[in-house]
Amino acid sequence: MKINLYIIDKKGKKELYEPLVEHYRKLCRPWAQVEVHEIFTKEIARAQEQNPEAAQRSYTQALERYRGSGYDVVLDPEGKSISSFDFADLLKDRAVVNFYIGGAYGFERPFVDTSNKSVSFGRITLSHKLVKVVLMEQIFRGLSILHNHPYHK
C-alpha cells in the first residue's frame, strides 16, 4: 500500500514536528509506504499575497497533477468528522491513498467536491505542521486497526 500526503507548505528546516512525522512513517512501514510531499511554488507565494481566491486557485493548480492516481481524501474544516475506525475504512483494501492539506486559505469548493472523500479533524484551526503530525498518527492508528495491532487499544 502507498499513502501520499500532499501539503501546501514550505519545505522547512528540521523543525520541532519533523521527528514525530518520521516516527510515524517508520511505524507504518510494515503495512504501507508513506510519503510526505511539501509543495510551495512561487505562484502560490504570489497568489497568497493577492487574495484568498487567487491563493485557493494556486493550490488547485499545484495539486491537480496528483489527483486521480488513487483514493483522494481532502482535509477540510467543512468535511465530515469521523472516528478512527471510519478513518481506518478509508485505507481498507486500497492500493494508493492520497491525502491533501490545503494552504492558509483552504481549498476551492470544486477541488473538495471532486475528491473521493472530505474529512475534518474538527472546527479548530491547527498549523499545517501540527495537522501533518495528527494525520500521520491517524494513518498509523488506522493501519493498526486494520491489522489488529494492539496500538489502538
N, C-alpha and C. Protein backbone atom coordinates (compact mmCIF):
# COMPACT_ATOMS: atom_id res chain seq x y z
N MET A 1 0.85 -1.17 0.00
CA MET A 1 0.00 0.00 0.00
C MET A 1 0.89 1.24 0.00
N LYS A 2 0.43 2.26 -0.71
CA LYS A 2 1.15 3.53 -0.79
C LYS A 2 0.21 4.64 -0.30
N ILE A 3 0.72 5.47 0.60
CA ILE A 3 -0.05 6.60 1.13
C ILE A 3 0.78 7.85 0.89
N ASN A 4 0.17 8.83 0.23
CA ASN A 4 0.82 10.11 -0.05
C ASN A 4 0.13 11.21 0.74
N LEU A 5 0.93 12.10 1.33
CA LEU A 5 0.41 13.31 1.95
C LEU A 5 0.91 14.47 1.10
N TYR A 6 -0.01 15.20 0.52
CA TYR A 6 0.33 16.39 -0.26
C TYR A 6 -0.09 17.58 0.56
N ILE A 7 0.86 18.44 0.90
CA ILE A 7 0.58 19.56 1.78
C ILE A 7 1.14 20.84 1.18
N ILE A 8 0.30 21.87 1.17
CA ILE A 8 0.75 23.18 0.73
C ILE A 8 1.50 23.79 1.91
N ASP A 9 2.81 23.74 1.82
CA ASP A 9 3.63 24.24 2.91
C ASP A 9 5.07 24.35 2.42
N LYS A 10 5.78 25.33 2.95
CA LYS A 10 7.18 25.50 2.59
C LYS A 10 7.99 24.34 3.16
N LYS A 11 8.94 23.89 2.38
CA LYS A 11 9.86 22.87 2.88
C LYS A 11 10.73 23.55 3.91
N GLY A 12 10.53 23.14 5.13
CA GLY A 12 11.26 23.81 6.21
C GLY A 12 12.49 23.06 6.64
N LYS A 13 13.20 23.74 7.49
CA LYS A 13 14.34 23.08 8.13
C LYS A 13 13.78 22.01 9.04
N LYS A 14 14.63 21.24 9.60
CA LYS A 14 14.19 20.23 10.56
C LYS A 14 13.62 20.96 11.77
N GLU A 15 12.32 21.01 11.85
CA GLU A 15 11.68 21.72 12.94
C GLU A 15 11.16 20.75 13.99
N LEU A 16 10.55 21.27 14.97
CA LEU A 16 10.06 20.54 16.13
C LEU A 16 9.25 19.30 15.77
N TYR A 17 8.37 19.40 14.79
CA TYR A 17 7.44 18.31 14.49
C TYR A 17 8.02 17.24 13.57
N GLU A 18 9.08 17.54 12.88
CA GLU A 18 9.62 16.61 11.89
C GLU A 18 9.99 15.24 12.47
N PRO A 19 10.60 15.18 13.66
CA PRO A 19 10.89 13.85 14.22
C PRO A 19 9.62 13.02 14.48
N LEU A 20 8.52 13.67 14.83
CA LEU A 20 7.26 12.94 15.03
C LEU A 20 6.72 12.39 13.71
N VAL A 21 6.79 13.19 12.67
CA VAL A 21 6.35 12.73 11.35
C VAL A 21 7.17 11.51 10.95
N GLU A 22 8.47 11.60 11.11
CA GLU A 22 9.35 10.49 10.75
C GLU A 22 9.08 9.26 11.63
N HIS A 23 8.81 9.47 12.90
CA HIS A 23 8.47 8.39 13.83
C HIS A 23 7.27 7.59 13.31
N TYR A 24 6.20 8.30 12.93
CA TYR A 24 5.01 7.60 12.44
C TYR A 24 5.23 6.98 11.07
N ARG A 25 6.04 7.61 10.24
CA ARG A 25 6.38 7.00 8.93
C ARG A 25 7.03 5.63 9.14
N LYS A 26 7.97 5.58 10.08
CA LYS A 26 8.66 4.32 10.36
C LYS A 26 7.70 3.28 10.93
N LEU A 27 6.81 3.70 11.82
CA LEU A 27 5.85 2.76 12.40
C LEU A 27 4.92 2.16 11.34
N CYS A 28 4.64 2.93 10.29
CA CYS A 28 3.73 2.47 9.22
C CYS A 28 4.40 1.49 8.26
N ARG A 29 5.70 1.45 8.24
CA ARG A 29 6.44 0.68 7.22
C ARG A 29 6.03 -0.78 7.05
N PRO A 30 5.67 -1.50 8.11
CA PRO A 30 5.29 -2.90 7.86
C PRO A 30 4.05 -3.03 6.96
N TRP A 31 3.23 -2.00 6.91
CA TRP A 31 1.95 -2.10 6.20
C TRP A 31 1.82 -1.16 5.01
N ALA A 32 2.57 -0.06 5.01
CA ALA A 32 2.40 0.93 3.93
C ALA A 32 3.66 1.76 3.76
N GLN A 33 3.86 2.21 2.54
CA GLN A 33 4.90 3.18 2.26
C GLN A 33 4.22 4.55 2.33
N VAL A 34 4.69 5.41 3.22
CA VAL A 34 4.09 6.72 3.40
C VAL A 34 5.09 7.78 2.95
N GLU A 35 4.64 8.65 2.06
CA GLU A 35 5.49 9.75 1.58
C GLU A 35 4.81 11.08 1.83
N VAL A 36 5.60 12.05 2.28
CA VAL A 36 5.11 13.40 2.53
C VAL A 36 5.68 14.31 1.46
N HIS A 37 4.79 15.02 0.76
CA HIS A 37 5.19 15.94 -0.31
C HIS A 37 4.78 17.35 0.08
N GLU A 38 5.78 18.17 0.42
CA GLU A 38 5.50 19.58 0.75
C GLU A 38 5.63 20.38 -0.54
N ILE A 39 4.59 21.13 -0.86
CA ILE A 39 4.53 21.84 -2.12
C ILE A 39 4.31 23.33 -1.85
N PHE A 40 5.22 24.13 -2.37
CA PHE A 40 5.08 25.59 -2.24
C PHE A 40 5.85 26.22 -3.39
N THR A 41 5.12 26.78 -4.34
CA THR A 41 5.73 27.35 -5.54
C THR A 41 5.74 28.87 -5.46
N LYS A 42 6.45 29.48 -6.39
CA LYS A 42 6.46 30.94 -6.49
C LYS A 42 5.05 31.45 -6.78
N GLU A 43 4.31 30.68 -7.59
CA GLU A 43 2.93 31.07 -7.92
C GLU A 43 2.05 31.09 -6.66
N ILE A 44 2.23 30.12 -5.79
CA ILE A 44 1.46 30.09 -4.54
C ILE A 44 1.83 31.29 -3.68
N ALA A 45 3.11 31.58 -3.57
CA ALA A 45 3.55 32.72 -2.75
C ALA A 45 2.94 34.03 -3.27
N ARG A 46 2.97 34.21 -4.60
CA ARG A 46 2.39 35.44 -5.18
C ARG A 46 0.88 35.49 -4.97
N ALA A 47 0.21 34.36 -5.20
CA ALA A 47 -1.25 34.33 -5.08
C ALA A 47 -1.70 34.60 -3.65
N GLN A 48 -0.98 34.10 -2.67
CA GLN A 48 -1.36 34.33 -1.27
C GLN A 48 -1.26 35.81 -0.89
N GLU A 49 -0.43 36.55 -1.62
CA GLU A 49 -0.32 37.99 -1.37
C GLU A 49 -1.46 38.77 -2.03
N GLN A 50 -2.14 38.13 -3.01
CA GLN A 50 -3.20 38.81 -3.74
C GLN A 50 -4.52 38.77 -2.97
N ASN A 51 -5.09 37.58 -2.86
CA ASN A 51 -6.37 37.41 -2.16
C ASN A 51 -6.65 35.93 -1.95
N PRO A 52 -7.61 35.59 -1.09
CA PRO A 52 -7.89 34.18 -0.81
C PRO A 52 -8.28 33.36 -2.04
N GLU A 53 -9.06 33.95 -2.94
CA GLU A 53 -9.49 33.21 -4.13
C GLU A 53 -8.31 32.84 -5.01
N ALA A 54 -7.39 33.79 -5.21
CA ALA A 54 -6.20 33.51 -6.02
C ALA A 54 -5.34 32.45 -5.34
N ALA A 55 -5.24 32.50 -4.03
CA ALA A 55 -4.47 31.51 -3.28
C ALA A 55 -5.07 30.12 -3.46
N GLN A 56 -6.38 30.00 -3.29
CA GLN A 56 -7.04 28.71 -3.46
C GLN A 56 -6.84 28.17 -4.87
N ARG A 57 -6.96 29.04 -5.85
CA ARG A 57 -6.76 28.64 -7.25
C ARG A 57 -5.34 28.10 -7.45
N SER A 58 -4.36 28.76 -6.83
CA SER A 58 -2.97 28.31 -6.97
C SER A 58 -2.75 26.96 -6.30
N TYR A 59 -3.46 26.68 -5.20
CA TYR A 59 -3.35 25.37 -4.55
C TYR A 59 -3.89 24.29 -5.48
N THR A 60 -5.03 24.56 -6.09
CA THR A 60 -5.61 23.59 -7.01
C THR A 60 -4.65 23.31 -8.16
N GLN A 61 -4.09 24.36 -8.74
CA GLN A 61 -3.17 24.19 -9.86
C GLN A 61 -1.94 23.38 -9.45
N ALA A 62 -1.44 23.60 -8.25
CA ALA A 62 -0.26 22.88 -7.79
C ALA A 62 -0.54 21.41 -7.48
N LEU A 63 -1.76 21.10 -7.04
CA LEU A 63 -2.09 19.75 -6.61
C LEU A 63 -2.81 18.90 -7.65
N GLU A 64 -3.37 19.54 -8.66
CA GLU A 64 -4.21 18.84 -9.64
C GLU A 64 -3.50 17.66 -10.29
N ARG A 65 -2.21 17.79 -10.53
CA ARG A 65 -1.47 16.72 -11.22
C ARG A 65 -1.39 15.42 -10.42
N TYR A 66 -1.62 15.49 -9.11
CA TYR A 66 -1.52 14.30 -8.26
C TYR A 66 -2.85 13.58 -8.09
N ARG A 67 -3.91 14.21 -8.49
CA ARG A 67 -5.24 13.64 -8.28
C ARG A 67 -5.54 12.52 -9.26
N GLY A 68 -6.37 11.59 -8.81
CA GLY A 68 -6.81 10.52 -9.68
C GLY A 68 -5.89 9.33 -9.72
N SER A 69 -4.75 9.41 -9.03
CA SER A 69 -3.80 8.29 -9.03
C SER A 69 -4.08 7.33 -7.88
N GLY A 70 -5.15 7.59 -7.14
CA GLY A 70 -5.54 6.76 -6.01
C GLY A 70 -6.83 7.29 -5.43
N TYR A 71 -7.11 6.92 -4.20
CA TYR A 71 -8.30 7.39 -3.49
C TYR A 71 -7.94 8.73 -2.87
N ASP A 72 -8.60 9.80 -3.31
CA ASP A 72 -8.26 11.16 -2.91
C ASP A 72 -9.10 11.64 -1.73
N VAL A 73 -8.40 11.99 -0.63
CA VAL A 73 -9.05 12.43 0.60
C VAL A 73 -8.54 13.84 0.93
N VAL A 74 -9.47 14.78 1.03
CA VAL A 74 -9.14 16.16 1.34
C VAL A 74 -9.44 16.44 2.81
N LEU A 75 -8.48 17.07 3.49
CA LEU A 75 -8.76 17.54 4.84
C LEU A 75 -9.37 18.92 4.70
N ASP A 76 -10.57 19.06 5.25
CA ASP A 76 -11.34 20.29 5.06
C ASP A 76 -12.18 20.54 6.31
N PRO A 77 -12.14 21.75 6.87
CA PRO A 77 -12.94 22.02 8.07
C PRO A 77 -14.42 21.76 7.89
N GLU A 78 -14.91 21.85 6.65
CA GLU A 78 -16.32 21.59 6.37
C GLU A 78 -16.60 20.12 6.10
N GLY A 79 -15.56 19.30 6.09
CA GLY A 79 -15.71 17.87 5.82
C GLY A 79 -16.37 17.16 6.99
N LYS A 80 -16.56 15.87 6.81
CA LYS A 80 -17.22 15.05 7.81
C LYS A 80 -16.24 14.67 8.92
N SER A 81 -16.65 14.84 10.17
CA SER A 81 -15.86 14.35 11.29
C SER A 81 -16.07 12.85 11.38
N ILE A 82 -14.98 12.11 11.49
CA ILE A 82 -15.08 10.66 11.51
C ILE A 82 -14.30 10.09 12.68
N SER A 83 -14.66 8.87 13.06
CA SER A 83 -13.95 8.16 14.13
C SER A 83 -12.67 7.54 13.56
N SER A 84 -11.83 7.05 14.44
CA SER A 84 -10.62 6.37 13.99
C SER A 84 -10.95 5.09 13.22
N PHE A 85 -12.05 4.44 13.57
CA PHE A 85 -12.46 3.24 12.82
C PHE A 85 -12.93 3.61 11.42
N ASP A 86 -13.66 4.72 11.30
CA ASP A 86 -14.06 5.20 9.98
C ASP A 86 -12.83 5.62 9.16
N PHE A 87 -11.87 6.22 9.85
CA PHE A 87 -10.63 6.61 9.17
C PHE A 87 -9.93 5.36 8.64
N ALA A 88 -9.88 4.31 9.44
CA ALA A 88 -9.26 3.06 9.00
C ALA A 88 -9.94 2.53 7.74
N ASP A 89 -11.27 2.70 7.67
CA ASP A 89 -12.01 2.25 6.48
C ASP A 89 -11.58 3.01 5.22
N LEU A 90 -11.09 4.24 5.36
CA LEU A 90 -10.60 4.99 4.20
C LEU A 90 -9.39 4.28 3.58
N LEU A 91 -8.65 3.57 4.41
CA LEU A 91 -7.43 2.91 3.95
C LEU A 91 -7.66 1.47 3.49
N LYS A 92 -8.74 0.89 3.94
CA LYS A 92 -9.00 -0.54 3.74
C LYS A 92 -9.08 -0.91 2.26
N ASP A 93 -8.32 -1.93 1.89
CA ASP A 93 -8.33 -2.51 0.54
C ASP A 93 -8.00 -1.51 -0.57
N ARG A 94 -7.17 -0.54 -0.28
CA ARG A 94 -6.78 0.44 -1.30
C ARG A 94 -5.29 0.32 -1.58
N ALA A 95 -4.93 0.42 -2.84
CA ALA A 95 -3.51 0.35 -3.21
C ALA A 95 -2.82 1.69 -2.97
N VAL A 96 -3.53 2.79 -3.28
CA VAL A 96 -2.96 4.13 -3.14
C VAL A 96 -4.02 5.05 -2.53
N VAL A 97 -3.62 5.76 -1.47
CA VAL A 97 -4.49 6.77 -0.86
C VAL A 97 -3.69 8.08 -0.83
N ASN A 98 -4.32 9.15 -1.31
CA ASN A 98 -3.71 10.47 -1.33
C ASN A 98 -4.47 11.39 -0.39
N PHE A 99 -3.76 12.00 0.56
CA PHE A 99 -4.35 12.98 1.46
C PHE A 99 -3.86 14.36 1.05
N TYR A 100 -4.76 15.35 1.10
CA TYR A 100 -4.43 16.71 0.70
C TYR A 100 -4.71 17.66 1.85
N ILE A 101 -3.69 18.46 2.19
CA ILE A 101 -3.82 19.51 3.20
C ILE A 101 -3.58 20.82 2.47
N GLY A 102 -4.58 21.69 2.48
CA GLY A 102 -4.50 22.93 1.74
C GLY A 102 -3.62 23.97 2.40
N GLY A 103 -3.55 25.10 1.75
CA GLY A 103 -2.77 26.21 2.27
C GLY A 103 -3.57 27.03 3.26
N ALA A 104 -3.07 28.19 3.57
CA ALA A 104 -3.66 29.07 4.58
C ALA A 104 -5.12 29.41 4.30
N TYR A 105 -5.52 29.38 3.04
CA TYR A 105 -6.89 29.78 2.67
C TYR A 105 -7.79 28.59 2.33
N GLY A 106 -7.33 27.38 2.57
CA GLY A 106 -8.15 26.21 2.30
C GLY A 106 -8.26 25.93 0.81
N PHE A 107 -9.20 25.08 0.47
CA PHE A 107 -9.37 24.65 -0.92
C PHE A 107 -10.57 25.31 -1.59
N GLU A 108 -10.50 25.38 -2.92
CA GLU A 108 -11.67 25.76 -3.70
C GLU A 108 -12.71 24.66 -3.54
N ARG A 109 -13.99 25.03 -3.53
CA ARG A 109 -15.04 24.02 -3.38
C ARG A 109 -14.97 22.93 -4.45
N PRO A 110 -14.74 23.27 -5.72
CA PRO A 110 -14.68 22.20 -6.73
C PRO A 110 -13.58 21.17 -6.43
N PHE A 111 -12.45 21.61 -5.87
CA PHE A 111 -11.38 20.67 -5.52
C PHE A 111 -11.88 19.69 -4.46
N VAL A 112 -12.58 20.20 -3.47
CA VAL A 112 -13.11 19.36 -2.40
C VAL A 112 -14.21 18.45 -2.95
N ASP A 113 -15.12 19.03 -3.71
CA ASP A 113 -16.30 18.29 -4.19
C ASP A 113 -15.95 17.17 -5.17
N THR A 114 -14.84 17.28 -5.88
CA THR A 114 -14.46 16.25 -6.84
C THR A 114 -13.50 15.22 -6.25
N SER A 115 -13.20 15.33 -4.97
CA SER A 115 -12.38 14.33 -4.29
C SER A 115 -13.26 13.17 -3.88
N ASN A 116 -12.66 12.03 -3.58
CA ASN A 116 -13.43 10.87 -3.16
C ASN A 116 -14.05 11.08 -1.78
N LYS A 117 -13.34 11.80 -0.91
CA LYS A 117 -13.82 11.99 0.46
C LYS A 117 -13.26 13.29 1.02
N SER A 118 -14.04 13.92 1.87
CA SER A 118 -13.62 15.13 2.57
C SER A 118 -13.81 14.88 4.06
N VAL A 119 -12.74 15.00 4.83
CA VAL A 119 -12.82 14.75 6.27
C VAL A 119 -12.30 15.96 7.04
N SER A 120 -12.77 16.06 8.28
CA SER A 120 -12.38 17.16 9.15
C SER A 120 -11.82 16.62 10.45
N PHE A 121 -10.79 17.26 10.95
CA PHE A 121 -10.26 16.94 12.27
C PHE A 121 -10.83 17.89 13.32
N GLY A 122 -11.92 18.53 12.97
CA GLY A 122 -12.59 19.43 13.91
C GLY A 122 -12.62 20.86 13.40
N ARG A 123 -13.31 21.70 14.12
CA ARG A 123 -13.52 23.08 13.70
C ARG A 123 -12.39 24.02 14.12
N ILE A 124 -11.47 23.54 14.96
CA ILE A 124 -10.37 24.41 15.37
C ILE A 124 -9.35 24.54 14.25
N THR A 125 -8.59 25.60 14.29
CA THR A 125 -7.54 25.82 13.31
C THR A 125 -6.22 25.33 13.90
N LEU A 126 -5.54 24.48 13.14
CA LEU A 126 -4.23 23.97 13.55
C LEU A 126 -3.20 24.38 12.50
N SER A 127 -1.96 24.51 12.93
CA SER A 127 -0.89 24.81 11.98
C SER A 127 -0.72 23.62 11.03
N HIS A 128 -0.21 23.90 9.83
CA HIS A 128 -0.01 22.83 8.86
C HIS A 128 0.92 21.75 9.40
N LYS A 129 1.93 22.17 10.10
CA LYS A 129 2.90 21.22 10.62
C LYS A 129 2.28 20.31 11.68
N LEU A 130 1.39 20.87 12.50
CA LEU A 130 0.72 20.07 13.52
C LEU A 130 -0.32 19.14 12.89
N VAL A 131 -1.05 19.63 11.90
CA VAL A 131 -2.02 18.78 11.19
C VAL A 131 -1.31 17.60 10.54
N LYS A 132 -0.12 17.85 10.01
CA LYS A 132 0.65 16.77 9.39
C LYS A 132 0.95 15.67 10.42
N VAL A 133 1.32 16.06 11.65
CA VAL A 133 1.59 15.08 12.70
C VAL A 133 0.31 14.33 13.08
N VAL A 134 -0.79 15.06 13.25
CA VAL A 134 -2.07 14.42 13.62
C VAL A 134 -2.48 13.44 12.52
N LEU A 135 -2.35 13.84 11.26
CA LEU A 135 -2.70 12.95 10.16
C LEU A 135 -1.81 11.70 10.15
N MET A 136 -0.53 11.88 10.37
CA MET A 136 0.37 10.73 10.41
C MET A 136 -0.01 9.76 11.53
N GLU A 137 -0.37 10.31 12.69
CA GLU A 137 -0.78 9.44 13.80
C GLU A 137 -2.05 8.69 13.45
N GLN A 138 -2.99 9.35 12.82
CA GLN A 138 -4.24 8.69 12.44
C GLN A 138 -4.01 7.63 11.35
N ILE A 139 -3.08 7.88 10.46
CA ILE A 139 -2.73 6.87 9.46
C ILE A 139 -2.18 5.63 10.16
N PHE A 140 -1.25 5.83 11.10
CA PHE A 140 -0.72 4.67 11.82
C PHE A 140 -1.82 3.99 12.63
N ARG A 141 -2.66 4.77 13.28
CA ARG A 141 -3.76 4.18 14.06
C ARG A 141 -4.69 3.39 13.14
N GLY A 142 -5.03 3.96 11.99
CA GLY A 142 -5.90 3.26 11.04
C GLY A 142 -5.29 1.97 10.55
N LEU A 143 -4.01 1.99 10.22
CA LEU A 143 -3.33 0.77 9.78
C LEU A 143 -3.28 -0.25 10.92
N SER A 144 -3.09 0.24 12.15
CA SER A 144 -3.08 -0.66 13.32
C SER A 144 -4.43 -1.34 13.49
N ILE A 145 -5.50 -0.59 13.31
CA ILE A 145 -6.85 -1.16 13.41
C ILE A 145 -7.04 -2.23 12.35
N LEU A 146 -6.65 -1.93 11.12
CA LEU A 146 -6.84 -2.87 10.02
C LEU A 146 -6.03 -4.16 10.19
N HIS A 147 -4.91 -4.06 10.89
CA HIS A 147 -4.02 -5.22 11.04
C HIS A 147 -4.05 -5.79 12.46
N ASN A 148 -5.07 -5.43 13.22
CA ASN A 148 -5.25 -5.96 14.58
C ASN A 148 -4.02 -5.78 15.46
N HIS A 149 -3.35 -4.69 15.30
CA HIS A 149 -2.19 -4.34 16.12
C HIS A 149 -2.71 -3.73 17.42
N PRO A 150 -2.06 -4.00 18.56
CA PRO A 150 -2.58 -3.52 19.84
C PRO A 150 -2.46 -2.01 20.08
N TYR A 151 -1.83 -1.26 19.19
CA TYR A 151 -1.66 0.19 19.40
C TYR A 151 -2.98 0.89 19.69
N HIS A 152 -4.02 0.52 18.98
CA HIS A 152 -5.29 1.25 19.11
C HIS A 152 -5.97 1.00 20.45
N LYS A 153 -5.66 -0.06 21.12
CA LYS A 153 -6.37 -0.43 22.34
C LYS A 153 -5.95 0.42 23.52
